[in-house]
Amino acid sequence: MKYILWLLKAAIFFTLFAFALNNQHDATVYFFFGTSWRAPLVLVVLAAFAGGLVVGALGMLPGWWKHRVAAQGPAVRPSSVPAVTPVATGGTGAPTTTDLPAVRQNGL
C-alpha cells in the first residue's frame, strides 16, 4: 500500500511538472489603473491558487476560532467558584425534593 501511495504522489508530481513545462509562455494580468503584471503562465496560475488558499483560510478563521473557544469550555476562575455548602437532608440521609436544582425545559 505504501508503494501505491508513492506511485500516486509521483504521478501527480510529474503531471504538474509537465503542465509547468508546457505553459512557459508569458501571460499578462491587467490590474486597475492601467497596471499590469507579465509573467509565465505557470506563475500566474500558482499565484492565483496561493491567493485562493489565503482568502479561503482567512474566511474560515472566525469559525475555527469560535469552535476552538467553545471546545475549551467556560473559563472558571478560582475566585468565582462558590463555596460548597452541605445539602440539607430530611433526616433519612437522602436529599429532599426541595434540595434538587430546577430543570429548564427550553420551551418543550
C-alpha atoms as a PDB file:
ATOM      1  CA  MET A   1       0.000   0.000   0.000  1.00  0.00           C
ATOM      2  CA  LYS A   2       2.887   2.335   0.789  1.00  0.00           C
ATOM      3  CA  TYR A   3       4.303   1.861  -2.711  1.00  0.00           C
ATOM      4  CA  ILE A   4       0.949   2.629  -4.311  1.00  0.00           C
ATOM      5  CA  LEU A   5       0.756   5.932  -2.430  1.00  0.00           C
ATOM      6  CA  TRP A   6       4.284   6.853  -3.536  1.00  0.00           C
ATOM      7  CA  LEU A   7       3.378   5.944  -7.101  1.00  0.00           C
ATOM      8  CA  LEU A   8       0.288   8.178  -6.909  1.00  0.00           C
ATOM      9  CA  LYS A   9       2.331  11.072  -5.492  1.00  0.00           C
ATOM     10  CA  ALA A  10       4.921  10.650  -8.248  1.00  0.00           C
ATOM     11  CA  ALA A  11       2.203  10.635 -10.915  1.00  0.00           C
ATOM     12  CA  ILE A  12       0.695  13.855  -9.542  1.00  0.00           C
ATOM     13  CA  PHE A  13       4.143  15.484  -9.373  1.00  0.00           C
ATOM     14  CA  PHE A  14       5.063  14.567 -12.959  1.00  0.00           C
ATOM     15  CA  THR A  15       1.661  15.700 -14.230  1.00  0.00           C
ATOM     16  CA  LEU A  16       2.109  19.116 -12.601  1.00  0.00           C
ATOM     17  CA  PHE A  17       5.714  19.280 -13.824  1.00  0.00           C
ATOM     18  CA  ALA A  18       4.594  18.564 -17.400  1.00  0.00           C
ATOM     19  CA  PHE A  19       1.918  21.266 -17.045  1.00  0.00           C
ATOM     20  CA  ALA A  20       4.600  23.736 -15.972  1.00  0.00           C
ATOM     21  CA  LEU A  21       6.870  22.833 -18.878  1.00  0.00           C
ATOM     22  CA  ASN A  22       4.057  23.137 -21.416  1.00  0.00           C
ATOM     23  CA  ASN A  23       2.928  26.570 -20.180  1.00  0.00           C
ATOM     24  CA  GLN A  24       6.095  28.635 -20.184  1.00  0.00           C
ATOM     25  CA  HIS A  25       4.841  31.419 -22.464  1.00  0.00           C
ATOM     26  CA  ASP A  26       4.175  34.825 -20.932  1.00  0.00           C
ATOM     27  CA  ALA A  27       0.760  35.852 -19.725  1.00  0.00           C
ATOM     28  CA  THR A  28      -0.306  39.389 -18.902  1.00  0.00           C
ATOM     29  CA  VAL A  29      -2.562  40.091 -15.943  1.00  0.00           C
ATOM     30  CA  TYR A  30      -4.193  43.524 -16.034  1.00  0.00           C
ATOM     31  CA  PHE A  31      -4.974  45.273 -12.752  1.00  0.00           C
ATOM     32  CA  PHE A  32      -6.746  48.548 -12.008  1.00  0.00           C
ATOM     33  CA  PHE A  33      -5.465  51.965 -13.119  1.00  0.00           C
ATOM     34  CA  GLY A  34      -3.588  50.617 -16.125  1.00  0.00           C
ATOM     35  CA  THR A  35      -1.114  48.480 -14.223  1.00  0.00           C
ATOM     36  CA  SER A  36      -0.253  45.017 -15.448  1.00  0.00           C
ATOM     37  CA  TRP A  37       1.890  42.040 -14.500  1.00  0.00           C
ATOM     38  CA  ARG A  38       3.660  39.993 -17.105  1.00  0.00           C
ATOM     39  CA  ALA A  39       4.894  36.552 -16.008  1.00  0.00           C
ATOM     40  CA  PRO A  40       4.944  32.942 -17.186  1.00  0.00           C
ATOM     41  CA  LEU A  41       1.512  31.347 -17.142  1.00  0.00           C
ATOM     42  CA  VAL A  42       2.632  28.802 -14.553  1.00  0.00           C
ATOM     43  CA  LEU A  43       3.464  31.576 -12.072  1.00  0.00           C
ATOM     44  CA  VAL A  44       0.141  33.276 -12.718  1.00  0.00           C
ATOM     45  CA  VAL A  45      -1.738  30.028 -12.021  1.00  0.00           C
ATOM     46  CA  LEU A  46       0.380  29.360  -8.935  1.00  0.00           C
ATOM     47  CA  ALA A  47      -0.206  32.888  -7.608  1.00  0.00           C
ATOM     48  CA  ALA A  48      -3.969  32.568  -8.174  1.00  0.00           C
ATOM     49  CA  PHE A  49      -4.004  29.209  -6.355  1.00  0.00           C
ATOM     50  CA  ALA A  50      -1.979  30.576  -3.425  1.00  0.00           C
ATOM     51  CA  GLY A  51      -4.203  33.660  -3.225  1.00  0.00           C
ATOM     52  CA  GLY A  52      -7.286  31.447  -3.163  1.00  0.00           C
ATOM     53  CA  LEU A  53      -5.827  29.386  -0.331  1.00  0.00           C
ATOM     54  CA  VAL A  54      -5.094  32.517   1.713  1.00  0.00           C
ATOM     55  CA  VAL A  55      -8.539  34.035   1.130  1.00  0.00           C
ATOM     56  CA  GLY A  56     -10.235  30.715   1.952  1.00  0.00           C
ATOM     57  CA  ALA A  57      -8.250  30.248   5.166  1.00  0.00           C
ATOM     58  CA  LEU A  58      -8.941  33.825   6.269  1.00  0.00           C
ATOM     59  CA  GLY A  59     -12.635  33.330   5.541  1.00  0.00           C
ATOM     60  CA  MET A  60     -12.734  30.221   7.728  1.00  0.00           C
ATOM     61  CA  LEU A  61     -10.697  31.752  10.571  1.00  0.00           C
ATOM     62  CA  PRO A  62     -13.673  33.202  12.543  1.00  0.00           C
ATOM     63  CA  GLY A  63     -15.431  29.816  12.527  1.00  0.00           C
ATOM     64  CA  TRP A  64     -12.272  27.991  13.600  1.00  0.00           C
ATOM     65  CA  TRP A  65     -11.778  30.486  16.413  1.00  0.00           C
ATOM     66  CA  LYS A  66     -15.385  30.145  17.608  1.00  0.00           C
ATOM     67  CA  HIS A  67     -15.153  26.340  17.678  1.00  0.00           C
ATOM     68  CA  ARG A  68     -11.815  26.465  19.470  1.00  0.00           C
ATOM     69  CA  VAL A  69     -13.210  28.736  22.185  1.00  0.00           C
ATOM     70  CA  ALA A  70     -16.300  26.540  22.508  1.00  0.00           C
ATOM     71  CA  ALA A  71     -14.163  23.395  22.814  1.00  0.00           C
ATOM     72  CA  GLN A  72     -12.134  24.907  25.644  1.00  0.00           C
ATOM     73  CA  GLY A  73     -15.286  25.447  27.660  1.00  0.00           C
ATOM     74  CA  PRO A  74     -16.062  28.304  30.010  1.00  0.00           C
ATOM     75  CA  ALA A  75     -13.121  29.723  31.875  1.00  0.00           C
ATOM     76  CA  VAL A  76     -13.562  29.218  35.609  1.00  0.00           C
ATOM     77  CA  ARG A  77     -11.579  31.467  37.905  1.00  0.00           C
ATOM     78  CA  PRO A  78     -10.827  30.252  41.428  1.00  0.00           C
ATOM     79  CA  SER A  79     -12.274  33.437  42.926  1.00  0.00           C
ATOM     80  CA  SER A  80     -15.603  32.950  41.122  1.00  0.00           C
ATOM     81  CA  VAL A  81     -16.191  29.389  42.351  1.00  0.00           C
ATOM     82  CA  PRO A  82     -18.858  29.426  45.093  1.00  0.00           C
ATOM     83  CA  ALA A  83     -18.127  27.780  48.404  1.00  0.00           C
ATOM     84  CA  VAL A  84     -19.523  24.266  48.808  1.00  0.00           C
ATOM     85  CA  THR A  85     -22.349  24.105  51.316  1.00  0.00           C
ATOM     86  CA  PRO A  86     -23.719  20.884  52.771  1.00  0.00           C
ATOM     87  CA  VAL A  87     -27.043  19.655  51.408  1.00  0.00           C
ATOM     88  CA  ALA A  88     -29.858  19.655  53.938  1.00  0.00           C
ATOM     89  CA  THR A  89     -31.385  16.237  54.301  1.00  0.00           C
ATOM     90  CA  GLY A  90     -34.806  15.224  55.533  1.00  0.00           C
ATOM     91  CA  GLY A  91     -33.352  13.048  58.292  1.00  0.00           C
ATOM     92  CA  THR A  92     -33.116   9.930  56.101  1.00  0.00           C
ATOM     93  CA  GLY A  93     -29.768  10.825  54.578  1.00  0.00           C
ATOM     94  CA  ALA A  94     -31.274  11.406  51.129  1.00  0.00           C
ATOM     95  CA  PRO A  95     -31.831  14.928  49.816  1.00  0.00           C
ATOM     96  CA  THR A  96     -35.409  16.092  49.727  1.00  0.00           C
ATOM     97  CA  THR A  97     -37.089  17.244  46.521  1.00  0.00           C
ATOM     98  CA  THR A  98     -36.751  20.874  47.569  1.00  0.00           C
ATOM     99  CA  ASP A  99     -32.962  20.497  47.617  1.00  0.00           C
ATOM    100  CA  LEU A 100     -32.756  19.469  43.960  1.00  0.00           C
ATOM    101  CA  PRO A 101     -31.963  22.127  41.320  1.00  0.00           C
ATOM    102  CA  ALA A 102     -34.699  23.323  38.991  1.00  0.00           C
ATOM    103  CA  VAL A 103     -34.711  21.843  35.481  1.00  0.00           C
ATOM    104  CA  ARG A 104     -35.466  24.070  32.496  1.00  0.00           C
ATOM    105  CA  GLN A 105     -37.389  22.519  29.643  1.00  0.00           C
ATOM    106  CA  ASN A 106     -36.298  25.042  26.950  1.00  0.00           C
ATOM    107  CA  GLY A 107     -39.827  25.502  25.700  1.00  0.00           C
ATOM    108  CA  LEU A 108     -40.529  21.792  25.184  1.00  0.00           C
END
